[in-house]
Each structure stands twice: as structure tokens, then as C-alpha cells.
């Protein structure tokens, strides 16, 4: 009987996992990025006079919009991650 105690052959070595380029989404980064994006859109709407703001009271409906959009997308991403 002959035993081979030499170094392992290339075919016997475990292959490293293939990188796919995908990584899990950080929901906090997603929410804050979307909120920032919506703040920029709100600012652009006000600056281009698409939305007429005559007083601070007119901003009551516009300023919570980024947080509502970011929160709802964050909830949706969290629900999709669990399934």
C-alpha cells in the first residue's frame, strides 16, 4: 500500500466563493438617502416657483414629506428583506 503525503493537488483544494457584486442593503442608509433626495426635490420645487410659498405656514404640508417617503420605503425594504 502506498500513501501519498505530498501537498494537496490543485483539484482537491476548496475553491474560493465567487463574488457576485451584491451586498445587503443598509436600510438606514437607504432611508436617509431618500429623505435627503426628497429634501432636494422640495427645495428645487420652491426655488423654481413650482410650489408657491407665501409664508412659513404654507410649508406645513411640504416639510414632512421627505420623512414620510423615507419611512415608508424603509418599512417596505424591511418587509421585503424578511421574506
Protein backbone atom coordinates (compact mmCIF):
# COMPACT_ATOMS: atom_id res chain seq x y z
CA UNK A 1 0.00 0.00 0.00
CA UNK A 2 1.18 3.44 -0.84
CA UNK A 3 0.12 6.63 0.90
CA UNK A 4 0.60 9.98 -0.75
CA UNK A 5 1.66 12.53 1.86
CA UNK A 6 2.59 15.19 -0.68
CA UNK A 7 0.98 18.62 -0.93
CA UNK A 8 -2.70 18.62 -1.90
CA UNK A 9 -3.40 18.71 -5.58
CA UNK A 10 -4.93 21.81 -7.15
CA UNK A 11 -8.13 19.91 -7.91
CA UNK A 12 -8.51 18.92 -4.25
CA UNK A 13 -8.29 22.46 -2.88
CA UNK A 14 -11.51 24.25 -2.00
CA UNK A 15 -12.41 26.96 -4.45
CA UNK A 16 -12.97 30.46 -3.01
CA UNK A 17 -16.60 31.59 -3.21
CA UNK A 18 -17.41 33.54 -6.34
CA UNK A 19 -18.11 37.21 -5.73
CA UNK A 20 -21.42 38.32 -7.17
CA UNK A 21 -21.11 42.05 -6.51
CA UNK A 22 -24.31 42.07 -4.46
CA UNK A 23 -24.37 43.09 -0.83
CA UNK A 24 -27.21 43.56 1.63
CA UNK A 25 -28.88 46.95 1.60
CA UNK A 26 -28.39 49.04 4.72
CA UNK A 27 -31.93 50.24 5.39
CA UNK A 28 -30.78 53.22 7.47
CA UNK A 29 -28.62 54.49 4.62
CA UNK A 30 -31.48 53.92 2.19
CA UNK A 31 -33.95 55.90 4.30
CA UNK A 32 -31.60 58.83 4.93
CA UNK A 33 -30.53 58.95 1.28
CA UNK A 34 -34.13 59.03 0.11
CA UNK A 35 -35.05 61.67 2.70
CA UNK A 36 -32.14 63.82 1.52
CA UNK A 37 -33.21 63.33 -2.11
CA UNK A 38 -36.78 64.39 -1.33
CA UNK A 39 -35.49 67.44 0.59
CA UNK A 40 -33.54 68.43 -2.53
CA UNK A 41 -36.66 67.95 -4.68
CA UNK A 42 -38.73 70.07 -2.26
CA UNK A 43 -36.06 72.77 -2.31
CA UNK A 44 -35.96 72.70 -6.12
CA UNK A 45 -39.75 72.99 -6.31
CA UNK A 46 -39.70 76.04 -4.04
CA UNK A 47 -36.76 77.69 -5.83
CA UNK A 48 -38.30 77.28 -9.28
CA UNK A 49 -41.64 78.66 -8.02
CA UNK A 50 -43.40 75.45 -9.00
CA UNK A 51 -44.85 75.50 -5.49
CA UNK A 52 -45.81 78.97 -4.33
CA UNK A 53 -44.79 79.59 -0.70
CA UNK A 54 -46.10 82.87 0.68
CA UNK A 55 -45.47 82.20 4.36
CA UNK A 56 -43.97 79.64 6.68
CA UNK A 57 -47.45 78.24 7.25
CA UNK A 58 -47.50 77.07 3.62
CA UNK A 59 -44.59 74.71 4.37
CA UNK A 60 -46.64 72.63 6.85
CA UNK A 61 -47.60 70.05 4.25
CA UNK A 62 -44.30 70.05 2.36
CA UNK A 63 -41.65 69.61 5.06
CA UNK A 64 -42.86 66.25 6.50
CA UNK A 65 -42.92 64.75 3.00
CA UNK A 66 -39.27 63.54 2.98
CA UNK A 67 -39.69 61.72 6.27
CA UNK A 68 -42.92 60.08 5.14
CA UNK A 69 -41.36 58.91 1.87
CA UNK A 70 -38.17 57.70 3.55
CA UNK A 71 -40.03 55.90 6.32
CA UNK A 72 -42.44 54.14 4.00
CA UNK A 73 -39.61 52.98 1.71
CA UNK A 74 -37.67 51.82 4.78
CA UNK A 75 -40.66 49.81 6.02
CA UNK A 76 -41.10 48.28 2.58
CA UNK A 77 -37.40 47.36 2.40
CA UNK A 78 -37.55 45.79 5.88
CA UNK A 79 -40.60 43.73 4.94
CA UNK A 80 -39.02 42.56 1.69
CA UNK A 81 -35.80 41.59 3.49
CA UNK A 82 -37.65 39.30 5.90
CA UNK A 83 -39.36 37.34 3.14
